[in-house]
Amino acid sequence: MGSKTSLDDRHRSGLPPLPALLMACLSLAACNHVPSQNLLGSFFPSWMLCVLIGIPTALLVRLVLVKAGVDDAVPAKLPVYSALAIAVTFGLWLVLFGN
């Protein structure tokens, strides 16, 4: 028997199998572009800018609904306004930064 290590020896040593290593390397190879925006010399992720717009938009919609008297008819306020903020955030990100 020579000094070659077999696949069984590799599994016993705790190393991941070769196909798993190859898949990890290939999946990480496309992570070379980060969508970020320069704000006052500091780079912020694009989604963070969209969140900073989405949350105040949901709060503004809530204020409009309170003034209109419709807010009392909203069944579950926290999930509804959270979903509204998330929808505005995702929609804004898709329109501004989606390719």
Protein backbone atom coordinates (compact mmCIF):
# COMPACT_ATOMS: atom_id res chain seq x y z
CA MET A 1 0.00 0.00 0.00
CA GLY A 2 1.38 3.39 -0.97
CA SER A 3 1.11 6.84 0.52
CA LYS A 4 -1.95 7.74 -1.55
CA THR A 5 -5.02 8.79 0.38
CA SER A 6 -8.28 7.36 -0.77
CA LEU A 7 -11.68 9.04 -0.62
CA ASP A 8 -12.51 6.98 2.46
CA ASP A 9 -9.45 8.39 4.24
CA ARG A 10 -10.52 11.92 3.26
CA HIS A 11 -14.00 11.38 4.73
CA ARG A 12 -12.50 10.04 7.95
CA SER A 13 -10.19 13.03 8.26
CA GLY A 14 -13.10 15.48 8.33
CA LEU A 15 -12.39 17.11 4.96
CA PRO A 16 -15.42 17.70 2.74
CA PRO A 17 -15.65 15.66 -0.46
CA LEU A 18 -14.20 17.13 -3.64
CA PRO A 19 -17.58 17.84 -5.36
CA ALA A 20 -18.69 19.88 -2.34
CA LEU A 21 -15.50 21.91 -2.47
CA LEU A 22 -15.92 22.53 -6.19
CA MET A 23 -19.55 23.63 -5.76
CA ALA A 24 -18.58 26.03 -2.97
CA CYS A 25 -15.85 27.57 -5.11
CA LEU A 26 -18.13 27.92 -8.14
CA SER A 27 -20.98 29.45 -6.15
CA LEU A 28 -18.68 32.06 -4.59
CA ALA A 29 -17.03 32.98 -7.88
CA ALA A 30 -19.93 35.25 -8.90
CA CYS A 31 -19.77 37.40 -5.76
CA ASN A 32 -17.61 40.12 -7.26
CA HIS A 33 -20.10 43.01 -7.52
CA VAL A 34 -21.69 44.63 -4.50
CA PRO A 35 -24.49 47.07 -5.32
CA SER A 36 -23.53 50.02 -3.14
CA GLN A 37 -24.06 53.75 -3.33
CA ASN A 38 -21.65 56.51 -2.34
CA LEU A 39 -23.25 58.80 0.25
CA LEU A 40 -21.05 61.55 1.66
CA GLY A 41 -17.92 59.50 1.00
CA SER A 42 -19.23 56.33 2.63
CA PHE A 43 -20.54 53.34 0.71
CA PHE A 44 -23.91 51.95 1.76
CA PRO A 45 -25.60 48.83 0.40
CA SER A 46 -28.40 49.69 -2.00
CA TRP A 47 -30.98 47.75 -0.02
CA MET A 48 -30.22 49.87 3.04
CA LEU A 49 -31.05 53.03 1.13
CA CYS A 50 -34.31 51.46 -0.02
CA VAL A 51 -35.19 50.50 3.58
CA LEU A 52 -34.52 54.08 4.68
CA ILE A 53 -37.11 55.18 2.13
CA GLY A 54 -39.56 52.26 2.59
CA ILE A 55 -40.11 52.62 6.34
CA PRO A 56 -40.94 56.36 6.30
CA THR A 57 -43.20 55.73 3.31
CA ALA A 58 -45.16 53.13 5.30
CA LEU A 59 -45.38 55.54 8.23
CA LEU A 60 -46.62 58.27 5.90
CA VAL A 61 -49.28 55.93 4.49
CA ARG A 62 -50.37 55.12 8.06
CA LEU A 63 -50.69 58.83 8.87
CA VAL A 64 -52.80 59.37 5.75
CA LEU A 65 -55.04 56.43 6.70
CA VAL A 66 -55.42 57.77 10.26
CA LYS A 67 -56.40 61.20 8.93
CA ALA A 68 -58.87 59.57 6.53
CA GLY A 69 -60.37 57.47 9.36
CA VAL A 70 -59.60 54.19 7.61
CA ASP A 71 -56.86 53.03 10.01
CA ASP A 72 -59.42 51.56 12.43
CA ALA A 73 -60.53 49.14 9.70
CA VAL A 74 -57.06 47.64 9.28
CA PRO A 75 -57.29 44.22 10.97
CA ALA A 76 -53.68 43.53 12.02
CA LYS A 77 -51.85 46.81 11.97
CA LEU A 78 -48.29 45.64 12.68
CA PRO A 79 -48.15 42.92 9.98
CA VAL A 80 -49.97 45.09 7.44
CA TYR A 81 -47.72 48.13 7.85
CA SER A 82 -44.61 45.95 8.06
CA ALA A 83 -45.61 44.25 4.82
CA LEU A 84 -46.23 47.64 3.26
CA ALA A 85 -42.75 48.84 4.26
CA ILE A 86 -41.21 45.64 2.87
CA ALA A 87 -43.18 45.91 -0.37
CA VAL A 88 -42.12 49.51 -0.87
CA THR A 89 -38.51 48.59 -0.08
CA PHE A 90 -38.42 45.66 -2.51
CA GLY A 91 -40.26 47.55 -5.21
CA LEU A 92 -37.96 50.54 -4.93
CA TRP A 93 -34.88 48.33 -5.01
CA LEU A 94 -36.19 46.48 -8.05
CA VAL A 95 -37.00 49.67 -9.94
CA LEU A 96 -33.80 51.53 -9.06
CA PHE A 97 -31.17 48.80 -8.85
CA GLY A 98 -32.59 45.69 -10.53
CA ASN A 99 -31.13 44.80 -13.89
